[in-house]
Amino acid sequence: MKKKLMIAGITGVVTLGGAFGVSAVAGDNQWKAEEVKVSQKEAESIATDEVKKLTINKVEKDNDDNQYYYEIDGKTEDGKEVEVDVDAITGEVIKVDHDEEEKSDDDSDQQTAENLKVTKEEAEKIAKEKSAGEIVEVEVDDGHYEIELKDDTHEYGVTVNGQTGEVMEFEKEKE
């Protein structure tokens, strides 16, 4: 009889421990569907509209300073990795990050503004089309334009490829 009670007790402890373990791994970033207005399927559709021919590999629910969003990781048809963050309340795309391969310091892609096909003015126009606000800073780094914009409520970061004009990264944060 004692053996059965001990087995039942150990089973209970293992089950509870497993539940607490899963909870700890999941972290505080999880939220319930009723806390948001945009479903995961809708967020995936928004991401594939934003990045054409995106194949979604992973979707995570995240919460940063009480801003609920879906972090959607995938690949484009040419194999480039992309991360798209979609606000779970408004459905707005708050970040698009096209991961580029890291280049070594010796790489000839370390370019100055004079060697870029896209002019500073064109890059600024592209950034303004992607976000709101006034431009506060433009910087050239590794052949890309890094442009910061601000309005009354948000700060935006837009990275524009200096050769193609493609928006490589887009971030929107509340001030």
N, C-alpha and C. Protein backbone atom coordinates (compact mmCIF):
# COMPACT_ATOMS: atom_id res chain seq x y z
N MET A 1 0.82 -1.20 0.00
CA MET A 1 0.00 0.00 0.00
C MET A 1 0.87 1.26 0.00
N LYS A 2 1.93 1.24 0.84
CA LYS A 2 2.82 2.39 0.89
C LYS A 2 3.50 2.61 -0.45
N LYS A 3 3.80 1.49 -1.13
CA LYS A 3 4.46 1.58 -2.43
C LYS A 3 3.56 2.29 -3.45
N LYS A 4 2.25 1.96 -3.44
CA LYS A 4 1.31 2.59 -4.36
C LYS A 4 1.17 4.09 -4.06
N LEU A 5 1.13 4.44 -2.77
CA LEU A 5 1.03 5.85 -2.41
C LEU A 5 2.28 6.61 -2.83
N MET A 6 3.45 5.97 -2.65
CA MET A 6 4.69 6.62 -3.03
C MET A 6 4.73 6.82 -4.55
N ILE A 7 4.32 5.85 -5.32
CA ILE A 7 4.30 5.96 -6.79
C ILE A 7 3.34 7.08 -7.21
N ALA A 8 2.16 7.12 -6.57
CA ALA A 8 1.18 8.17 -6.89
C ALA A 8 1.75 9.54 -6.54
N GLY A 9 2.43 9.65 -5.43
CA GLY A 9 3.04 10.92 -5.01
C GLY A 9 4.12 11.37 -5.97
N ILE A 10 4.97 10.44 -6.37
CA ILE A 10 6.05 10.77 -7.32
C ILE A 10 5.46 11.19 -8.66
N THR A 11 4.43 10.46 -9.11
CA THR A 11 3.77 10.81 -10.38
C THR A 11 3.20 12.22 -10.31
N GLY A 12 2.58 12.57 -9.19
CA GLY A 12 2.02 13.91 -9.02
C GLY A 12 3.09 14.98 -9.05
N VAL A 13 4.21 14.74 -8.36
CA VAL A 13 5.31 15.70 -8.33
C VAL A 13 5.89 15.88 -9.72
N VAL A 14 6.08 14.77 -10.45
CA VAL A 14 6.64 14.85 -11.80
C VAL A 14 5.69 15.63 -12.73
N THR A 15 4.39 15.35 -12.62
CA THR A 15 3.41 16.05 -13.46
C THR A 15 3.40 17.54 -13.16
N LEU A 16 3.34 17.91 -11.89
CA LEU A 16 3.36 19.32 -11.52
C LEU A 16 4.67 19.99 -11.93
N GLY A 17 5.76 19.29 -11.71
CA GLY A 17 7.07 19.83 -12.10
C GLY A 17 7.14 20.08 -13.59
N GLY A 18 6.60 19.16 -14.38
CA GLY A 18 6.57 19.33 -15.83
C GLY A 18 5.75 20.54 -16.22
N ALA A 19 4.59 20.71 -15.57
CA ALA A 19 3.73 21.87 -15.88
C ALA A 19 4.45 23.17 -15.54
N PHE A 20 5.10 23.23 -14.39
CA PHE A 20 5.84 24.44 -14.02
C PHE A 20 7.00 24.67 -14.98
N GLY A 21 7.66 23.59 -15.39
CA GLY A 21 8.77 23.71 -16.32
C GLY A 21 8.34 24.29 -17.66
N VAL A 22 7.21 23.78 -18.19
CA VAL A 22 6.69 24.30 -19.45
C VAL A 22 6.33 25.77 -19.29
N SER A 23 5.72 26.11 -18.17
CA SER A 23 5.35 27.50 -17.91
C SER A 23 6.59 28.39 -17.87
N ALA A 24 7.64 27.92 -17.24
CA ALA A 24 8.87 28.72 -17.13
C ALA A 24 9.51 28.91 -18.49
N VAL A 25 9.52 27.86 -19.33
CA VAL A 25 10.12 27.97 -20.65
C VAL A 25 9.30 28.91 -21.53
N ALA A 26 7.98 28.86 -21.39
CA ALA A 26 7.11 29.70 -22.20
C ALA A 26 7.32 31.17 -21.87
N GLY A 27 7.65 31.49 -20.63
CA GLY A 27 7.93 32.87 -20.24
C GLY A 27 6.68 33.71 -20.14
N ASP A 28 6.87 35.00 -19.93
CA ASP A 28 5.77 35.94 -19.76
C ASP A 28 5.29 36.50 -21.09
N ASN A 29 5.91 36.09 -22.19
CA ASN A 29 5.56 36.68 -23.48
C ASN A 29 4.31 36.08 -24.10
N GLN A 30 3.74 35.06 -23.49
CA GLN A 30 2.54 34.44 -24.04
C GLN A 30 1.32 35.25 -23.65
N TRP A 31 0.29 35.22 -24.49
CA TRP A 31 -0.95 35.92 -24.20
C TRP A 31 -2.08 35.13 -24.79
N LYS A 32 -3.27 35.45 -24.34
CA LYS A 32 -4.47 34.73 -24.77
C LYS A 32 -5.07 35.40 -26.00
N ALA A 33 -5.74 34.59 -26.82
CA ALA A 33 -6.34 35.10 -28.06
C ALA A 33 -7.34 36.21 -27.79
N GLU A 34 -8.06 36.14 -26.67
CA GLU A 34 -9.06 37.17 -26.38
C GLU A 34 -8.44 38.52 -25.98
N GLU A 35 -7.12 38.55 -25.75
CA GLU A 35 -6.44 39.81 -25.41
C GLU A 35 -6.10 40.63 -26.66
N VAL A 36 -6.25 40.01 -27.84
CA VAL A 36 -5.86 40.68 -29.08
C VAL A 36 -7.01 40.66 -30.08
N LYS A 37 -6.89 41.45 -31.14
CA LYS A 37 -7.93 41.53 -32.16
C LYS A 37 -7.54 40.81 -33.46
N VAL A 38 -6.25 40.54 -33.64
CA VAL A 38 -5.76 39.93 -34.87
C VAL A 38 -5.37 38.48 -34.57
N SER A 39 -5.93 37.54 -35.32
CA SER A 39 -5.60 36.13 -35.12
C SER A 39 -4.23 35.82 -35.74
N GLN A 40 -3.70 34.67 -35.38
CA GLN A 40 -2.41 34.27 -35.94
C GLN A 40 -2.52 34.10 -37.45
N LYS A 41 -3.61 33.52 -37.93
CA LYS A 41 -3.80 33.34 -39.38
C LYS A 41 -3.84 34.70 -40.09
N GLU A 42 -4.52 35.68 -39.48
CA GLU A 42 -4.58 37.02 -40.07
C GLU A 42 -3.19 37.65 -40.10
N ALA A 43 -2.43 37.47 -39.03
CA ALA A 43 -1.06 38.01 -38.96
C ALA A 43 -0.18 37.38 -40.04
N GLU A 44 -0.33 36.08 -40.24
CA GLU A 44 0.44 35.40 -41.28
C GLU A 44 0.09 35.96 -42.66
N SER A 45 -1.19 36.20 -42.90
CA SER A 45 -1.63 36.78 -44.17
C SER A 45 -1.07 38.18 -44.37
N ILE A 46 -1.06 38.98 -43.30
CA ILE A 46 -0.50 40.33 -43.36
C ILE A 46 1.00 40.26 -43.70
N ALA A 47 1.71 39.32 -43.07
CA ALA A 47 3.14 39.17 -43.33
C ALA A 47 3.41 38.76 -44.77
N THR A 48 2.61 37.85 -45.31
CA THR A 48 2.83 37.42 -46.70
C THR A 48 2.41 38.50 -47.70
N ASP A 49 1.51 39.40 -47.30
CA ASP A 49 1.19 40.55 -48.15
C ASP A 49 2.35 41.55 -48.15
N GLU A 50 3.00 41.70 -46.99
CA GLU A 50 4.11 42.64 -46.84
C GLU A 50 5.37 42.15 -47.57
N VAL A 51 5.68 40.87 -47.43
CA VAL A 51 6.87 40.27 -48.06
C VAL A 51 6.36 39.23 -49.06
N LYS A 52 6.41 39.58 -50.31
CA LYS A 52 5.88 38.70 -51.36
C LYS A 52 6.65 37.38 -51.40
N LYS A 53 5.90 36.31 -51.63
CA LYS A 53 6.45 34.94 -51.75
C LYS A 53 7.20 34.52 -50.49
N LEU A 54 6.69 34.92 -49.33
CA LEU A 54 7.27 34.53 -48.04
C LEU A 54 6.79 33.14 -47.67
N THR A 55 7.72 32.27 -47.32
CA THR A 55 7.39 30.96 -46.76
C THR A 55 7.62 31.05 -45.27
N ILE A 56 6.55 30.87 -44.49
CA ILE A 56 6.63 31.03 -43.04
C ILE A 56 7.17 29.77 -42.39
N ASN A 57 8.22 29.94 -41.58
CA ASN A 57 8.82 28.81 -40.87
C ASN A 57 8.37 28.74 -39.42
N LYS A 58 8.15 29.90 -38.78
CA LYS A 58 7.84 29.92 -37.35
C LYS A 58 7.08 31.19 -37.01
N VAL A 59 6.12 31.05 -36.09
CA VAL A 59 5.36 32.20 -35.59
C VAL A 59 5.40 32.15 -34.07
N GLU A 60 5.80 33.27 -33.45
CA GLU A 60 5.82 33.36 -32.00
C GLU A 60 4.97 34.54 -31.56
N LYS A 61 4.28 34.36 -30.44
CA LYS A 61 3.56 35.47 -29.82
C LYS A 61 4.55 36.16 -28.89
N ASP A 62 4.59 37.49 -28.93
CA ASP A 62 5.52 38.21 -28.08
C ASP A 62 4.85 39.44 -27.50
N ASN A 63 5.43 39.93 -26.42
CA ASN A 63 4.91 41.10 -25.71
C ASN A 63 6.11 41.93 -25.28
N ASP A 64 6.17 43.15 -25.78
CA ASP A 64 7.26 44.05 -25.43
C ASP A 64 6.65 45.35 -24.93
N ASP A 65 6.80 45.65 -23.64
CA ASP A 65 6.23 46.84 -23.03
C ASP A 65 4.72 46.95 -23.29
N ASN A 66 4.03 45.83 -23.09
CA ASN A 66 2.57 45.73 -23.28
C ASN A 66 2.14 45.96 -24.72
N GLN A 67 3.03 45.79 -25.67
CA GLN A 67 2.66 45.79 -27.09
C GLN A 67 2.70 44.33 -27.53
N TYR A 68 1.52 43.79 -27.80
CA TYR A 68 1.42 42.40 -28.23
C TYR A 68 1.66 42.33 -29.73
N TYR A 69 2.50 41.37 -30.13
CA TYR A 69 2.75 41.21 -31.56
C TYR A 69 3.14 39.78 -31.89
N TYR A 70 2.96 39.45 -33.17
CA TYR A 70 3.39 38.16 -33.71
C TYR A 70 4.75 38.37 -34.36
N GLU A 71 5.71 37.53 -34.01
CA GLU A 71 7.02 37.55 -34.65
C GLU A 71 7.02 36.39 -35.64
N ILE A 72 7.04 36.72 -36.92
CA ILE A 72 6.90 35.73 -37.98
C ILE A 72 8.23 35.61 -38.71
N ASP A 73 8.82 34.41 -38.65
CA ASP A 73 10.10 34.15 -39.31
C ASP A 73 9.85 33.30 -40.55
N GLY A 74 10.55 33.62 -41.63
CA GLY A 74 10.39 32.85 -42.85
C GLY A 74 11.52 33.11 -43.81
N LYS A 75 11.30 32.63 -45.04
CA LYS A 75 12.29 32.81 -46.11
C LYS A 75 11.59 33.28 -47.37
N THR A 76 12.31 34.09 -48.13
CA THR A 76 11.81 34.52 -49.43
C THR A 76 12.13 33.42 -50.44
N GLU A 77 11.61 33.55 -51.66
CA GLU A 77 11.84 32.50 -52.65
C GLU A 77 13.31 32.38 -53.05
N ASP A 78 14.10 33.45 -52.83
CA ASP A 78 15.53 33.38 -53.13
C ASP A 78 16.35 32.91 -51.92
N GLY A 79 15.66 32.46 -50.86
CA GLY A 79 16.35 31.85 -49.72
C GLY A 79 16.78 32.80 -48.62
N LYS A 80 16.46 34.08 -48.74
CA LYS A 80 16.86 35.03 -47.70
C LYS A 80 15.90 34.93 -46.51
N GLU A 81 16.47 34.99 -45.30
CA GLU A 81 15.65 34.93 -44.10
C GLU A 81 15.04 36.30 -43.83
N VAL A 82 13.77 36.28 -43.37
CA VAL A 82 13.04 37.51 -43.10
C VAL A 82 12.28 37.35 -41.79
N GLU A 83 12.25 38.42 -40.99
CA GLU A 83 11.41 38.46 -39.79
C GLU A 83 10.43 39.60 -39.95
N VAL A 84 9.14 39.29 -39.74
CA VAL A 84 8.09 40.30 -39.83
C VAL A 84 7.35 40.31 -38.49
N ASP A 85 7.26 41.48 -37.85
CA ASP A 85 6.50 41.62 -36.61
C ASP A 85 5.20 42.33 -36.94
N VAL A 86 4.07 41.71 -36.52
CA VAL A 86 2.75 42.25 -36.79
C VAL A 86 2.07 42.54 -35.45
N ASP A 87 1.60 43.78 -35.27
CA ASP A 87 0.89 44.17 -34.05
C ASP A 87 -0.38 43.34 -33.93
N ALA A 88 -0.56 42.70 -32.78
CA ALA A 88 -1.68 41.78 -32.58
C ALA A 88 -2.98 42.51 -32.25
N ILE A 89 -2.93 43.81 -32.02
CA ILE A 89 -4.14 44.59 -31.76
C ILE A 89 -4.61 45.27 -33.05
N THR A 90 -3.68 45.93 -33.76
CA THR A 90 -4.05 46.74 -34.93
C THR A 90 -3.84 46.03 -36.26
N GLY A 91 -2.99 45.00 -36.30
CA GLY A 91 -2.66 44.34 -37.55
C GLY A 91 -1.61 45.07 -38.37
N GLU A 92 -1.03 46.12 -37.79
CA GLU A 92 -0.02 46.92 -38.47
C GLU A 92 1.34 46.20 -38.44
N VAL A 93 2.07 46.27 -39.55
CA VAL A 93 3.43 45.74 -39.60
C VAL A 93 4.32 46.71 -38.86
N ILE A 94 4.98 46.24 -37.79
CA ILE A 94 5.82 47.14 -37.00
C ILE A 94 7.31 46.92 -37.25
N LYS A 95 7.65 45.81 -37.92
CA LYS A 95 9.07 45.58 -38.22
C LYS A 95 9.18 44.57 -39.35
N VAL A 96 10.08 44.85 -40.28
CA VAL A 96 10.47 43.90 -41.32
C VAL A 96 11.98 43.89 -41.33
N ASP A 97 12.55 42.72 -41.11
CA ASP A 97 14.01 42.61 -41.05
C ASP A 97 14.46 41.55 -42.04
N HIS A 98 15.12 41.99 -43.11
CA HIS A 98 15.71 41.07 -44.09
C HIS A 98 17.12 40.78 -43.62
N ASP A 99 17.37 39.57 -43.16
CA ASP A 99 18.70 39.23 -42.67
C ASP A 99 19.67 39.13 -43.84
N GLU A 100 20.73 39.85 -43.71
CA GLU A 100 21.80 39.81 -44.71
C GLU A 100 22.96 39.01 -44.14
N GLU A 101 23.70 38.34 -45.01
CA GLU A 101 24.88 37.62 -44.55
C GLU A 101 25.90 38.63 -44.06
N GLU A 102 26.56 38.29 -42.96
CA GLU A 102 27.59 39.17 -42.42
C GLU A 102 28.78 39.21 -43.37
N LYS A 103 29.31 40.35 -43.60
CA LYS A 103 30.46 40.50 -44.48
C LYS A 103 31.70 40.79 -43.65
N SER A 104 32.83 40.31 -44.13
CA SER A 104 34.07 40.54 -43.40
C SER A 104 34.55 41.97 -43.65
N ASP A 105 35.47 42.44 -42.82
CA ASP A 105 35.98 43.79 -42.97
C ASP A 105 36.74 43.99 -44.28
N ASP A 106 37.28 42.89 -44.85
CA ASP A 106 38.03 43.02 -46.09
C ASP A 106 37.10 43.07 -47.30
N ASP A 107 35.84 42.78 -47.12
CA ASP A 107 34.92 42.67 -48.23
C ASP A 107 34.80 44.00 -48.96
N SER A 108 34.73 43.93 -50.27
CA SER A 108 34.67 45.15 -51.08
C SER A 108 33.31 45.82 -51.02
N ASP A 109 32.34 45.26 -50.29
CA ASP A 109 31.01 45.86 -50.19
C ASP A 109 30.97 47.02 -49.19
N GLN A 110 32.07 47.29 -48.52
CA GLN A 110 32.14 48.44 -47.61
C GLN A 110 32.17 49.68 -48.49
N GLN A 111 31.00 50.30 -48.66
CA GLN A 111 30.90 51.36 -49.65
C GLN A 111 30.58 52.71 -49.02
N THR A 112 31.00 53.73 -49.71
CA THR A 112 30.67 55.09 -49.29
C THR A 112 29.47 55.56 -50.11
N ALA A 113 28.91 56.67 -49.72
CA ALA A 113 27.71 57.19 -50.39
C ALA A 113 27.95 57.45 -51.88
N GLU A 114 29.18 57.82 -52.25
CA GLU A 114 29.47 58.12 -53.66
C GLU A 114 29.37 56.88 -54.54
N ASN A 115 29.58 55.68 -53.98
CA ASN A 115 29.58 54.45 -54.76
C ASN A 115 28.22 53.76 -54.81
N LEU A 116 27.22 54.35 -54.22
CA LEU A 116 25.91 53.71 -54.17
C LEU A 116 25.06 54.11 -55.38
N LYS A 117 24.24 53.17 -55.86
CA LYS A 117 23.36 53.45 -56.99
C LYS A 117 22.15 54.28 -56.56
N VAL A 118 21.71 54.10 -55.31
CA VAL A 118 20.57 54.84 -54.77
C VAL A 118 21.09 56.11 -54.10
N THR A 119 20.54 57.25 -54.47
CA THR A 119 20.99 58.50 -53.86
C THR A 119 20.39 58.66 -52.46
N LYS A 120 20.97 59.57 -51.70
CA LYS A 120 20.45 59.86 -50.36
C LYS A 120 19.01 60.33 -50.44
N GLU A 121 18.72 61.17 -51.42
CA GLU A 121 17.36 61.70 -51.58
C GLU A 121 16.37 60.59 -51.91
N GLU A 122 16.78 59.65 -52.77
CA GLU A 122 15.90 58.51 -53.10
C GLU A 122 15.66 57.63 -51.87
N ALA A 123 16.71 57.39 -51.09
CA ALA A 123 16.58 56.59 -49.88
C ALA A 123 15.65 57.27 -48.88
N GLU A 124 15.76 58.58 -48.75
CA GLU A 124 14.87 59.33 -47.84
C GLU A 124 13.42 59.23 -48.30
N LYS A 125 13.20 59.31 -49.60
CA LYS A 125 11.84 59.20 -50.15
C LYS A 125 11.27 57.81 -49.86
N ILE A 126 12.07 56.78 -50.04
CA ILE A 126 11.64 55.41 -49.76
C ILE A 126 11.29 55.26 -48.27
N ALA A 127 12.11 55.83 -47.41
CA ALA A 127 11.86 55.75 -45.96
C ALA A 127 10.57 56.47 -45.58
N LYS A 128 10.33 57.62 -46.19
CA LYS A 128 9.11 58.39 -45.89
C LYS A 128 7.86 57.66 -46.39
N GLU A 129 7.98 56.92 -47.50
CA GLU A 129 6.86 56.13 -48.00
C GLU A 129 6.53 54.98 -47.05
N LYS A 130 7.54 54.47 -46.37
CA LYS A 130 7.37 53.32 -45.48
C LYS A 130 6.89 53.73 -44.09
N SER A 131 7.15 54.95 -43.67
CA SER A 131 6.83 55.37 -42.31
C SER A 131 6.38 56.82 -42.28
N ALA A 132 5.93 57.23 -41.10
CA ALA A 132 5.51 58.62 -40.91
C ALA A 132 6.63 59.39 -40.22
N GLY A 133 6.41 60.67 -40.04
CA GLY A 133 7.37 61.45 -39.27
C GLY A 133 8.39 62.18 -40.12
N GLU A 134 9.23 62.91 -39.41
CA GLU A 134 10.28 63.69 -40.04
C GLU A 134 11.61 62.97 -39.87
N ILE A 135 12.46 63.09 -40.86
CA ILE A 135 13.78 62.46 -40.80
C ILE A 135 14.65 63.21 -39.80
N VAL A 136 15.25 62.46 -38.87
CA VAL A 136 16.14 63.08 -37.90
C VAL A 136 17.60 62.70 -38.12
N GLU A 137 17.82 61.58 -38.83
CA GLU A 137 19.21 61.18 -39.08
C GLU A 137 19.28 60.24 -40.28
N VAL A 138 20.32 60.43 -41.10
CA VAL A 138 20.61 59.54 -42.22
C VAL A 138 22.09 59.19 -42.13
N GLU A 139 22.37 57.89 -42.20
CA GLU A 139 23.75 57.43 -42.08
C GLU A 139 23.99 56.34 -43.12
N VAL A 140 25.17 56.30 -43.70
CA VAL A 140 25.54 55.22 -44.61
C VAL A 140 26.42 54.25 -43.84
N ASP A 141 26.04 52.96 -43.88
CA ASP A 141 26.79 51.93 -43.18
C ASP A 141 26.80 50.67 -44.01
N ASP A 142 27.97 50.20 -44.40
CA ASP A 142 28.13 48.97 -45.18
C ASP A 142 27.27 48.95 -46.45
N GLY A 143 27.17 50.06 -47.13
CA GLY A 143 26.44 50.10 -48.38
C GLY A 143 24.93 50.24 -48.22
N HIS A 144 24.47 50.59 -47.03
CA HIS A 144 23.04 50.76 -46.77
C HIS A 144 22.81 52.12 -46.12
N TYR A 145 21.64 52.67 -46.37
CA TYR A 145 21.22 53.89 -45.69
C TYR A 145 20.44 53.50 -44.44
N GLU A 146 20.85 54.01 -43.30
CA GLU A 146 20.12 53.81 -42.05
C GLU A 146 19.46 55.15 -41.73
N ILE A 147 18.13 55.16 -41.75
CA ILE A 147 17.38 56.40 -41.64
C ILE A 147 16.48 56.34 -40.41
N GLU A 148 16.58 57.37 -39.56
CA GLU A 148 15.72 57.48 -38.38
C GLU A 148 14.71 58.58 -38.61
N LEU A 149 13.44 58.30 -38.25
CA LEU A 149 12.37 59.28 -38.37
C LEU A 149 11.61 59.32 -37.06
N LYS A 150 10.97 60.46 -36.77
CA LYS A 150 10.17 60.60 -35.56
C LYS A 150 8.91 61.39 -35.87
N ASP A 151 7.83 61.03 -35.16
CA ASP A 151 6.64 61.87 -35.13
C ASP A 151 6.25 62.07 -33.67
N ASP A 152 5.06 62.54 -33.40
CA ASP A 152 4.67 62.85 -32.03
C ASP A 152 4.63 61.63 -31.12
N THR A 153 4.37 60.45 -31.67
CA THR A 153 4.17 59.27 -30.82
C THR A 153 5.12 58.12 -31.09
N HIS A 154 5.78 58.10 -32.24
CA HIS A 154 6.61 56.94 -32.61
C HIS A 154 7.99 57.36 -33.12
N GLU A 155 8.88 56.41 -33.05
CA GLU A 155 10.22 56.53 -33.62
C GLU A 155 10.35 55.40 -34.64
N TYR A 156 10.88 55.69 -35.82
CA TYR A 156 10.98 54.71 -36.89
C TYR A 156 12.45 54.54 -37.29
N GLY A 157 12.79 53.32 -37.66
CA GLY A 157 14.11 53.04 -38.21
C GLY A 157 13.93 52.30 -39.52
N VAL A 158 14.51 52.82 -40.59
CA VAL A 158 14.39 52.20 -41.91
C VAL A 158 15.79 52.01 -42.48
N THR A 159 16.09 50.80 -42.90
CA THR A 159 17.37 50.52 -43.55
C THR A 159 17.09 50.23 -45.02
N VAL A 160 17.71 51.03 -45.90
CA VAL A 160 17.49 50.92 -47.34
C VAL A 160 18.78 50.45 -48.00
N ASN A 161 18.68 49.41 -48.83
CA ASN A 161 19.83 48.91 -49.57
C ASN A 161 20.29 49.98 -50.54
N GLY A 162 21.56 50.34 -50.47
CA GLY A 162 22.12 51.41 -51.29
C GLY A 162 22.29 51.06 -52.74
N GLN A 163 22.17 49.79 -53.10
CA GLN A 163 22.30 49.37 -54.49
C GLN A 163 20.95 49.15 -55.16
N THR A 164 19.98 48.61 -54.39
CA THR A 164 18.69 48.23 -54.99
C THR A 164 17.52 49.11 -54.57
N GLY A 165 17.65 49.82 -53.45
CA GLY A 165 16.53 50.60 -52.93
C GLY A 165 15.54 49.78 -52.12
N GLU A 166 15.84 48.50 -51.93
CA GLU A 166 14.97 47.62 -51.15
C GLU A 166 15.01 48.00 -49.67
N VAL A 167 13.83 47.99 -49.02
CA VAL A 167 13.78 48.22 -47.58
C VAL A 167 14.20 46.90 -46.92
N MET A 168 15.35 46.93 -46.27
CA MET A 168 15.91 45.72 -45.66
C MET A 168 15.41 45.52 -44.24
N GLU A 169 15.14 46.63 -43.56
CA GLU A 169 14.67 46.54 -42.18
C GLU A 169 13.78 47.74 -41.90
N PHE A 170 12.71 47.47 -41.15
CA PHE A 170 11.78 48.53 -40.75
C PHE A 170 11.39 48.28 -39.30
N GLU A 171 11.51 49.31 -38.46
CA GLU A 171 11.12 49.20 -37.06
C GLU A 171 10.27 50.40 -36.69
N LYS A 172 9.28 50.14 -35.84
CA LYS A 172 8.42 51.21 -35.33
C LYS A 172 8.27 51.00 -33.85
N GLU A 173 8.62 52.01 -33.06
CA GLU A 173 8.54 51.92 -31.60
C GLU A 173 7.81 53.12 -31.06
N LYS A 174 7.01 52.88 -30.01
CA LYS A 174 6.37 54.00 -29.31
C LYS A 174 7.43 54.71 -28.50
N GLU A 175 7.35 56.05 -28.48
CA GLU A 175 8.32 56.82 -27.70
C GLU A 175 7.98 56.78 -26.25
